Amino acid sequence: MSRLLPGRRVDWRQLTLIIISGLMIGAIFGEAIKVFGPERTTVVARIKPRP
C-alpha cells in the first residue's frame, strides 16, 4: 500500500512494460471483438439511368 502514497516518484523502468502489455491486451481484445462482433452489412444501391 506504500506504493500508492502521494508524492511517490514514478518507476520509469516499469513504464515500458506497462505500455507494451497494454498495447498487447488492446490488440488481443480488438481482434476478438472483430471476430465475435456482428458482421457489417453493406448496401449497394443501383441508380437507374435517366431516359
N, C-alpha and C. Protein backbone atom coordinates (compact mmCIF):
# COMPACT_ATOMS: atom_id res chain seq x y z
N MET A 1 0.82 -1.19 0.00
CA MET A 1 0.00 0.00 0.00
C MET A 1 0.87 1.26 0.00
N SER A 2 2.13 1.10 0.37
CA SER A 2 3.01 2.26 0.42
C SER A 2 3.30 2.81 -0.97
N ARG A 3 3.06 2.02 -2.00
CA ARG A 3 3.31 2.50 -3.36
C ARG A 3 2.27 3.51 -3.81
N LEU A 4 1.14 3.56 -3.14
CA LEU A 4 0.07 4.47 -3.55
C LEU A 4 0.10 5.80 -2.81
N LEU A 5 1.13 6.02 -2.02
CA LEU A 5 1.22 7.27 -1.28
C LEU A 5 1.46 8.44 -2.22
N PRO A 6 0.83 9.58 -1.96
CA PRO A 6 1.08 10.75 -2.81
C PRO A 6 2.52 11.21 -2.69
N GLY A 7 3.06 11.70 -3.77
CA GLY A 7 4.44 12.15 -3.78
C GLY A 7 5.41 11.06 -4.17
N ARG A 8 4.94 9.86 -4.43
CA ARG A 8 5.80 8.76 -4.84
C ARG A 8 6.24 9.01 -6.27
N ARG A 9 7.52 8.84 -6.53
CA ARG A 9 8.03 9.05 -7.88
C ARG A 9 7.69 7.84 -8.76
N VAL A 10 7.55 8.09 -10.04
CA VAL A 10 7.21 7.03 -10.99
C VAL A 10 8.43 6.16 -11.23
N ASP A 11 8.23 4.85 -11.22
CA ASP A 11 9.33 3.93 -11.54
C ASP A 11 9.36 3.78 -13.06
N TRP A 12 10.25 4.52 -13.69
CA TRP A 12 10.29 4.59 -15.16
C TRP A 12 10.70 3.28 -15.79
N ARG A 13 11.36 2.40 -15.04
CA ARG A 13 11.76 1.12 -15.61
C ARG A 13 10.56 0.24 -15.92
N GLN A 14 9.48 0.40 -15.17
CA GLN A 14 8.30 -0.42 -15.40
C GLN A 14 7.35 0.19 -16.43
N LEU A 15 7.60 1.43 -16.79
CA LEU A 15 6.68 2.12 -17.70
C LEU A 15 6.64 1.45 -19.07
N THR A 16 7.77 1.04 -19.62
CA THR A 16 7.76 0.39 -20.93
C THR A 16 7.02 -0.94 -20.88
N LEU A 17 7.17 -1.67 -19.77
CA LEU A 17 6.46 -2.94 -19.62
C LEU A 17 4.95 -2.70 -19.56
N ILE A 18 4.53 -1.66 -18.87
CA ILE A 18 3.11 -1.34 -18.77
C ILE A 18 2.55 -0.95 -20.13
N ILE A 19 3.29 -0.14 -20.88
CA ILE A 19 2.82 0.31 -22.19
C ILE A 19 2.74 -0.86 -23.17
N ILE A 20 3.76 -1.70 -23.21
CA ILE A 20 3.77 -2.83 -24.14
C ILE A 20 2.67 -3.83 -23.80
N SER A 21 2.49 -4.12 -22.51
CA SER A 21 1.44 -5.07 -22.14
C SER A 21 0.06 -4.48 -22.43
N GLY A 22 -0.11 -3.18 -22.24
CA GLY A 22 -1.39 -2.55 -22.57
C GLY A 22 -1.69 -2.61 -24.05
N LEU A 23 -0.68 -2.40 -24.88
CA LEU A 23 -0.89 -2.48 -26.33
C LEU A 23 -1.21 -3.91 -26.76
N MET A 24 -0.56 -4.88 -26.14
CA MET A 24 -0.84 -6.28 -26.49
C MET A 24 -2.25 -6.69 -26.08
N ILE A 25 -2.66 -6.29 -24.89
CA ILE A 25 -4.01 -6.61 -24.43
C ILE A 25 -5.04 -5.92 -25.32
N GLY A 26 -4.79 -4.67 -25.70
CA GLY A 26 -5.70 -3.96 -26.58
C GLY A 26 -5.80 -4.61 -27.95
N ALA A 27 -4.69 -5.09 -28.47
CA ALA A 27 -4.71 -5.75 -29.78
C ALA A 27 -5.48 -7.07 -29.71
N ILE A 28 -5.27 -7.82 -28.63
CA ILE A 28 -5.97 -9.11 -28.50
C ILE A 28 -7.47 -8.90 -28.38
N PHE A 29 -7.89 -7.96 -27.53
CA PHE A 29 -9.31 -7.72 -27.38
C PHE A 29 -9.91 -7.08 -28.63
N GLY A 30 -9.14 -6.26 -29.32
CA GLY A 30 -9.64 -5.67 -30.56
C GLY A 30 -9.90 -6.72 -31.62
N GLU A 31 -9.00 -7.68 -31.75
CA GLU A 31 -9.21 -8.77 -32.71
C GLU A 31 -10.38 -9.65 -32.30
N ALA A 32 -10.52 -9.90 -31.01
CA ALA A 32 -11.63 -10.73 -30.53
C ALA A 32 -12.97 -10.04 -30.80
N ILE A 33 -13.01 -8.74 -30.63
CA ILE A 33 -14.26 -8.01 -30.90
C ILE A 33 -14.59 -8.06 -32.38
N LYS A 34 -13.56 -7.98 -33.23
CA LYS A 34 -13.80 -8.06 -34.68
C LYS A 34 -14.31 -9.44 -35.08
N VAL A 35 -13.76 -10.47 -34.45
CA VAL A 35 -14.15 -11.84 -34.81
C VAL A 35 -15.56 -12.17 -34.32
N PHE A 36 -15.84 -11.84 -33.07
CA PHE A 36 -17.12 -12.23 -32.48
C PHE A 36 -18.20 -11.17 -32.60
N GLY A 37 -17.87 -10.01 -33.08
CA GLY A 37 -18.84 -8.94 -33.22
C GLY A 37 -19.76 -9.18 -34.41
N PRO A 38 -20.85 -8.42 -34.47
CA PRO A 38 -21.76 -8.57 -35.60
C PRO A 38 -21.10 -8.12 -36.90
N GLU A 39 -21.42 -8.85 -37.95
CA GLU A 39 -20.82 -8.53 -39.25
C GLU A 39 -21.53 -7.33 -39.85
N ARG A 40 -20.76 -6.42 -40.39
CA ARG A 40 -21.35 -5.24 -41.01
C ARG A 40 -21.90 -5.61 -42.38
N THR A 41 -23.09 -5.12 -42.66
CA THR A 41 -23.67 -5.36 -43.98
C THR A 41 -23.58 -4.07 -44.78
N THR A 42 -23.16 -4.22 -46.01
CA THR A 42 -23.08 -3.05 -46.88
C THR A 42 -24.20 -3.14 -47.92
N VAL A 43 -24.84 -2.05 -48.11
CA VAL A 43 -25.94 -1.98 -49.07
C VAL A 43 -25.48 -1.15 -50.25
N VAL A 44 -25.57 -1.75 -51.42
CA VAL A 44 -25.18 -1.05 -52.64
C VAL A 44 -26.46 -0.73 -53.40
N ALA A 45 -26.71 0.54 -53.58
CA ALA A 45 -27.91 0.97 -54.29
C ALA A 45 -27.57 1.18 -55.76
N ARG A 46 -28.39 0.60 -56.62
CA ARG A 46 -28.19 0.81 -58.06
C ARG A 46 -29.03 1.99 -58.51
N ILE A 47 -28.38 2.88 -59.19
CA ILE A 47 -29.08 4.07 -59.67
C ILE A 47 -29.53 3.80 -61.10
N LYS A 48 -30.82 4.03 -61.32
CA LYS A 48 -31.36 3.82 -62.67
C LYS A 48 -30.92 4.97 -63.56
N PRO A 49 -30.46 4.65 -64.75
CA PRO A 49 -30.07 5.76 -65.67
C PRO A 49 -31.30 6.53 -66.15
N ARG A 50 -31.12 7.82 -66.35
CA ARG A 50 -32.23 8.65 -66.83
C ARG A 50 -32.46 8.40 -68.32
N PRO A 51 -33.72 8.38 -68.70
CA PRO A 51 -34.01 8.16 -70.15
C PRO A 51 -33.68 9.37 -71.01
